[in-house]
């Protein structure tokens, strides 16, 4: 659920209704500000009113980069919108052509972007692996992905391998079978 609080839109992550023996009931909440992603913990007393916000999730497809802008296409209307790369945030480095994302809109205003949590990308540049390098080594090397992003991968990963990456933490998860 999304609510309007002090002029900002928040997503309620979790809540707990508490009815103590003395006094009135209250609700403890953890909320995430949609625009910045910061977390807020707040307690609401019974009877307090909050304004709900209808947030529309629009599926869009990333088409191509044009300077510092990314061109996105609405999958329902096929309209193309240029968007500043900075407004999408750090995760934009994992976008490759034809990948999909969700745009959060409320009252015609874009609030934020949800990219896939996991992506599969090819390694285009890394040091070669050597005989004896195993999956369970603990040591890592840097590798450049096809989108230009750089992550740390185990020594057994080579150029041309396709890897699964967690876009939220910038971490290597596994090598994808070809």
C-alpha atoms as a PDB file:
ATOM      1  CA  UNK A   1       0.000   0.000   0.000  1.00  0.00           C
ATOM      2  CA  UNK A   2       1.163   3.532  -0.739  1.00  0.00           C
ATOM      3  CA  UNK A   3       0.322   6.588   1.375  1.00  0.00           C
ATOM      4  CA  UNK A   4       0.913  10.334   1.237  1.00  0.00           C
ATOM      5  CA  UNK A   5       2.758  11.554   4.322  1.00  0.00           C
ATOM      6  CA  UNK A   6       4.082  15.123   4.640  1.00  0.00           C
ATOM      7  CA  UNK A   7       3.774  15.608   0.861  1.00  0.00           C
ATOM      8  CA  UNK A   8       5.871  12.512   0.021  1.00  0.00           C
ATOM      9  CA  UNK A   9       4.726   9.100  -1.218  1.00  0.00           C
ATOM     10  CA  UNK A  10       5.712   6.111   0.931  1.00  0.00           C
ATOM     11  CA  UNK A  11       5.304   2.366   0.458  1.00  0.00           C
ATOM     12  CA  UNK A  12       4.363   0.471   3.599  1.00  0.00           C
ATOM     13  CA  UNK A  13       6.865  -2.374   3.947  1.00  0.00           C
ATOM     14  CA  UNK A  14       5.521  -3.848   7.167  1.00  0.00           C
ATOM     15  CA  UNK A  15       3.108  -2.956   9.944  1.00  0.00           C
ATOM     16  CA  UNK A  16       2.114  -4.280  13.337  1.00  0.00           C
ATOM     17  CA  UNK A  17      -1.168  -3.525  15.110  1.00  0.00           C
ATOM     18  CA  UNK A  18      -0.587  -3.227  18.890  1.00  0.00           C
ATOM     19  CA  UNK A  19      -3.337  -3.211  21.546  1.00  0.00           C
ATOM     20  CA  UNK A  20      -1.737  -2.652  24.919  1.00  0.00           C
ATOM     21  CA  UNK A  21      -3.566  -3.386  28.172  1.00  0.00           C
ATOM     22  CA  UNK A  22      -3.684   0.337  29.000  1.00  0.00           C
ATOM     23  CA  UNK A  23      -4.474   3.111  26.537  1.00  0.00           C
ATOM     24  CA  UNK A  24      -5.545   3.044  22.933  1.00  0.00           C
ATOM     25  CA  UNK A  25      -4.371   0.837  20.117  1.00  0.00           C
ATOM     26  CA  UNK A  26      -1.652   1.941  17.699  1.00  0.00           C
ATOM     27  CA  UNK A  27       0.096   0.722  14.555  1.00  0.00           C
ATOM     28  CA  UNK A  28       3.888   0.538  14.143  1.00  0.00           C
ATOM     29  CA  UNK A  29       4.998   0.854  10.523  1.00  0.00           C
ATOM     30  CA  UNK A  30       8.144   0.643   8.418  1.00  0.00           C
ATOM     31  CA  UNK A  31       7.849   2.653   5.243  1.00  0.00           C
ATOM     32  CA  UNK A  32      10.108   3.315   2.251  1.00  0.00           C
ATOM     33  CA  UNK A  33      10.093   6.705   0.536  1.00  0.00           C
ATOM     34  CA  UNK A  34       9.413   5.918  -3.129  1.00  0.00           C
ATOM     35  CA  UNK A  35      11.633   8.645  -4.610  1.00  0.00           C
ATOM     36  CA  UNK A  36      14.769   8.138  -2.512  1.00  0.00           C
ATOM     37  CA  UNK A  37      14.389   4.643  -1.053  1.00  0.00           C
ATOM     38  CA  UNK A  38      15.067   5.830   2.509  1.00  0.00           C
ATOM     39  CA  UNK A  39      13.362   3.899   5.329  1.00  0.00           C
ATOM     40  CA  UNK A  40      11.126   5.569   7.934  1.00  0.00           C
ATOM     41  CA  UNK A  41       9.704   3.960  11.064  1.00  0.00           C
ATOM     42  CA  UNK A  42       6.596   5.642  12.443  1.00  0.00           C
ATOM     43  CA  UNK A  43       3.819   4.891  14.918  1.00  0.00           C
ATOM     44  CA  UNK A  44       0.229   5.896  14.188  1.00  0.00           C
ATOM     45  CA  UNK A  45      -2.363   6.172  16.958  1.00  0.00           C
ATOM     46  CA  UNK A  46      -5.855   4.837  16.410  1.00  0.00           C
ATOM     47  CA  UNK A  47      -8.027   7.444  14.751  1.00  0.00           C
ATOM     48  CA  UNK A  48      -5.160   9.108  12.823  1.00  0.00           C
ATOM     49  CA  UNK A  49      -5.975   9.498   9.151  1.00  0.00           C
ATOM     50  CA  UNK A  50      -3.573   9.010   6.260  1.00  0.00           C
ATOM     51  CA  UNK A  51      -4.219   9.716   2.611  1.00  0.00           C
ATOM     52  CA  UNK A  52      -3.876   6.655   0.368  1.00  0.00           C
ATOM     53  CA  UNK A  53      -2.142   7.131  -2.992  1.00  0.00           C
ATOM     54  CA  UNK A  54      -2.981   5.108  -6.068  1.00  0.00           C
ATOM     55  CA  UNK A  55       0.343   4.157  -7.655  1.00  0.00           C
ATOM     56  CA  UNK A  56       0.139   2.810 -11.164  1.00  0.00           C
ATOM     57  CA  UNK A  57       2.779   0.339 -12.311  1.00  0.00           C
ATOM     58  CA  UNK A  58       3.508   0.786 -16.024  1.00  0.00           C
ATOM     59  CA  UNK A  59       5.639  -1.798 -17.855  1.00  0.00           C
ATOM     60  CA  UNK A  60       8.247  -0.199 -20.086  1.00  0.00           C
ATOM     61  CA  UNK A  61      11.020  -1.572 -22.247  1.00  0.00           C
ATOM     62  CA  UNK A  62      14.497  -0.079 -22.493  1.00  0.00           C
ATOM     63  CA  UNK A  63      15.289   0.488 -26.178  1.00  0.00           C
ATOM     64  CA  UNK A  64      18.645   2.317 -26.370  1.00  0.00           C
ATOM     65  CA  UNK A  65      20.943   4.954 -24.855  1.00  0.00           C
ATOM     66  CA  UNK A  66      21.087   8.422 -26.384  1.00  0.00           C
ATOM     67  CA  UNK A  67      23.851  10.371 -24.670  1.00  0.00           C
ATOM     68  CA  UNK A  68      22.895  10.608 -20.987  1.00  0.00           C
ATOM     69  CA  UNK A  69      19.295   9.676 -21.735  1.00  0.00           C
ATOM     70  CA  UNK A  70      17.651   6.276 -21.901  1.00  0.00           C
ATOM     71  CA  UNK A  71      14.786   5.783 -24.332  1.00  0.00           C
ATOM     72  CA  UNK A  72      11.935   3.748 -22.815  1.00  0.00           C
ATOM     73  CA  UNK A  73       8.880   2.428 -24.662  1.00  0.00           C
ATOM     74  CA  UNK A  74       5.478   1.919 -23.028  1.00  0.00           C
ATOM     75  CA  UNK A  75       4.506  -1.685 -23.790  1.00  0.00           C
ATOM     76  CA  UNK A  76       0.789  -0.812 -23.994  1.00  0.00           C
ATOM     77  CA  UNK A  77       0.787   2.386 -26.077  1.00  0.00           C
ATOM     78  CA  UNK A  78       4.219   1.985 -27.778  1.00  0.00           C
ATOM     79  CA  UNK A  79       5.050   5.629 -26.935  1.00  0.00           C
ATOM     80  CA  UNK A  80       8.752   6.326 -26.535  1.00  0.00           C
ATOM     81  CA  UNK A  81       9.953   8.527 -23.672  1.00  0.00           C
ATOM     82  CA  UNK A  82      13.520   9.782 -23.175  1.00  0.00           C
ATOM     83  CA  UNK A  83      14.473   9.584 -19.486  1.00  0.00           C
ATOM     84  CA  UNK A  84      17.573  11.003 -17.810  1.00  0.00           C
ATOM     85  CA  UNK A  85      19.821   8.121 -16.709  1.00  0.00           C
ATOM     86  CA  UNK A  86      20.403   9.764 -13.301  1.00  0.00           C
ATOM     87  CA  UNK A  87      16.672   9.583 -12.489  1.00  0.00           C
ATOM     88  CA  UNK A  88      16.772   5.773 -12.706  1.00  0.00           C
ATOM     89  CA  UNK A  89      19.754   5.560 -10.371  1.00  0.00           C
ATOM     90  CA  UNK A  90      22.677   3.182  -9.974  1.00  0.00           C
ATOM     91  CA  UNK A  91      20.782   0.187 -11.349  1.00  0.00           C
ATOM     92  CA  UNK A  92      20.703   1.767 -14.825  1.00  0.00           C
ATOM     93  CA  UNK A  93      24.154   0.284 -15.463  1.00  0.00           C
ATOM     94  CA  UNK A  94      22.528  -3.171 -15.719  1.00  0.00           C
ATOM     95  CA  UNK A  95      20.056  -2.226 -18.464  1.00  0.00           C
ATOM     96  CA  UNK A  96      20.639  -3.856 -21.801  1.00  0.00           C
ATOM     97  CA  UNK A  97      18.538  -3.339 -24.910  1.00  0.00           C
ATOM     98  CA  UNK A  98      15.057  -4.898 -24.799  1.00  0.00           C
ATOM     99  CA  UNK A  99      15.083  -5.365 -21.016  1.00  0.00           C
ATOM    100  CA  UNK A 100      11.882  -4.516 -19.158  1.00  0.00           C
ATOM    101  CA  UNK A 101      11.288  -2.367 -16.078  1.00  0.00           C
ATOM    102  CA  UNK A 102       8.366  -1.019 -14.109  1.00  0.00           C
ATOM    103  CA  UNK A 103       7.702   2.726 -13.845  1.00  0.00           C
ATOM    104  CA  UNK A 104       5.809   3.864 -10.732  1.00  0.00           C
ATOM    105  CA  UNK A 105       3.422   6.744 -11.488  1.00  0.00           C
ATOM    106  CA  UNK A 106       0.949   8.635  -9.307  1.00  0.00           C
ATOM    107  CA  UNK A 107      -1.240  11.492 -10.540  1.00  0.00           C
ATOM    108  CA  UNK A 108       0.684  11.574 -13.841  1.00  0.00           C
ATOM    109  CA  UNK A 109       4.033  12.080 -12.064  1.00  0.00           C
ATOM    110  CA  UNK A 110       6.838   9.513 -12.230  1.00  0.00           C
ATOM    111  CA  UNK A 111       7.801   8.492  -8.696  1.00  0.00           C
ATOM    112  CA  UNK A 112      10.452   5.921  -9.417  1.00  0.00           C
ATOM    113  CA  UNK A 113      11.646   2.894 -11.349  1.00  0.00           C
ATOM    114  CA  UNK A 114      11.762  -0.785 -10.434  1.00  0.00           C
ATOM    115  CA  UNK A 115      14.356  -2.761 -12.335  1.00  0.00           C
ATOM    116  CA  UNK A 116      14.562  -6.546 -12.246  1.00  0.00           C
ATOM    117  CA  UNK A 117      16.303  -7.819  -9.110  1.00  0.00           C
ATOM    118  CA  UNK A 118      18.394 -10.271 -11.129  1.00  0.00           C
ATOM    119  CA  UNK A 119      19.829 -10.002 -14.644  1.00  0.00           C
ATOM    120  CA  UNK A 120      21.837 -12.346 -16.822  1.00  0.00           C
ATOM    121  CA  UNK A 121      24.698 -10.641 -18.643  1.00  0.00           C
ATOM    122  CA  UNK A 122      27.751 -11.733 -20.588  1.00  0.00           C
ATOM    123  CA  UNK A 123      31.308 -11.079 -19.397  1.00  0.00           C
ATOM    124  CA  UNK A 124      33.153  -9.035 -22.040  1.00  0.00           C
ATOM    125  CA  UNK A 125      36.427  -8.374 -20.253  1.00  0.00           C
ATOM    126  CA  UNK A 126      38.232 -10.094 -17.388  1.00  0.00           C
ATOM    127  CA  UNK A 127      41.563 -11.693 -16.580  1.00  0.00           C
ATOM    128  CA  UNK A 128      41.780 -15.318 -17.734  1.00  0.00           C
ATOM    129  CA  UNK A 129      41.164 -18.118 -15.260  1.00  0.00           C
ATOM    130  CA  UNK A 130      44.039 -20.425 -14.414  1.00  0.00           C
ATOM    131  CA  UNK A 131      44.169 -24.165 -13.854  1.00  0.00           C
ATOM    132  CA  UNK A 132      43.380 -24.927 -10.246  1.00  0.00           C
ATOM    133  CA  UNK A 133      40.951 -22.016  -9.793  1.00  0.00           C
ATOM    134  CA  UNK A 134      37.820 -23.438  -8.243  1.00  0.00           C
ATOM    135  CA  UNK A 135      34.315 -22.286  -7.508  1.00  0.00           C
ATOM    136  CA  UNK A 136      34.893 -22.267  -3.750  1.00  0.00           C
ATOM    137  CA  UNK A 137      37.996 -20.108  -3.563  1.00  0.00           C
ATOM    138  CA  UNK A 138      36.767 -17.003  -1.816  1.00  0.00           C
ATOM    139  CA  UNK A 139      39.068 -14.795  -3.903  1.00  0.00           C
ATOM    140  CA  UNK A 140      37.601 -12.687  -6.697  1.00  0.00           C
ATOM    141  CA  UNK A 141      38.633 -10.659  -9.716  1.00  0.00           C
ATOM    142  CA  UNK A 142      36.883  -7.786 -11.465  1.00  0.00           C
ATOM    143  CA  UNK A 143      34.930  -8.370 -14.650  1.00  0.00           C
ATOM    144  CA  UNK A 144      33.291  -5.972 -17.090  1.00  0.00           C
ATOM    145  CA  UNK A 145      29.771  -6.889 -18.220  1.00  0.00           C
ATOM    146  CA  UNK A 146      28.220  -6.267 -21.632  1.00  0.00           C
ATOM    147  CA  UNK A 147      26.401  -3.191 -20.277  1.00  0.00           C
ATOM    148  CA  UNK A 148      29.643  -1.618 -19.019  1.00  0.00           C
ATOM    149  CA  UNK A 149      29.035  -2.412 -15.344  1.00  0.00           C
ATOM    150  CA  UNK A 150      31.977  -3.851 -13.388  1.00  0.00           C
ATOM    151  CA  UNK A 151      31.469  -6.522 -10.707  1.00  0.00           C
ATOM    152  CA  UNK A 152      33.650  -8.978  -8.798  1.00  0.00           C
ATOM    153  CA  UNK A 153      33.476 -12.607  -9.926  1.00  0.00           C
ATOM    154  CA  UNK A 154      35.269 -15.835  -8.881  1.00  0.00           C
ATOM    155  CA  UNK A 155      38.510 -16.754 -10.657  1.00  0.00           C
ATOM    156  CA  UNK A 156      36.919 -19.575 -12.702  1.00  0.00           C
ATOM    157  CA  UNK A 157      34.718 -17.128 -14.679  1.00  0.00           C
ATOM    158  CA  UNK A 158      36.057 -16.266 -18.150  1.00  0.00           C
ATOM    159  CA  UNK A 159      35.209 -13.887 -20.992  1.00  0.00           C
ATOM    160  CA  UNK A 160      32.077 -14.963 -22.835  1.00  0.00           C
ATOM    161  CA  UNK A 161      30.498 -16.594 -19.762  1.00  0.00           C
ATOM    162  CA  UNK A 162      26.974 -15.505 -18.898  1.00  0.00           C
ATOM    163  CA  UNK A 163      26.493 -14.693 -15.215  1.00  0.00           C
ATOM    164  CA  UNK A 164      23.509 -13.915 -13.014  1.00  0.00           C
ATOM    165  CA  UNK A 165      23.896 -10.642 -11.080  1.00  0.00           C
ATOM    166  CA  UNK A 166      21.880  -9.217  -8.162  1.00  0.00           C
ATOM    167  CA  UNK A 167      21.223  -5.613  -9.253  1.00  0.00           C
ATOM    168  CA  UNK A 168      20.345  -4.470  -5.721  1.00  0.00           C
ATOM    169  CA  UNK A 169      23.709  -5.420  -4.209  1.00  0.00           C
ATOM    170  CA  UNK A 170      25.965  -5.442  -7.324  1.00  0.00           C
ATOM    171  CA  UNK A 171      27.015  -9.011  -6.580  1.00  0.00           C
ATOM    172  CA  UNK A 172      27.713 -12.078  -8.700  1.00  0.00           C
ATOM    173  CA  UNK A 173      25.318 -14.936  -7.960  1.00  0.00           C
ATOM    174  CA  UNK A 174      26.096 -17.775 -10.373  1.00  0.00           C
ATOM    175  CA  UNK A 175      27.275 -18.722 -13.825  1.00  0.00           C
ATOM    176  CA  UNK A 176      24.376 -19.519 -16.175  1.00  0.00           C
ATOM    177  CA  UNK A 177      24.627 -22.726 -18.163  1.00  0.00           C
ATOM    178  CA  UNK A 178      25.043 -22.093 -21.870  1.00  0.00           C
END
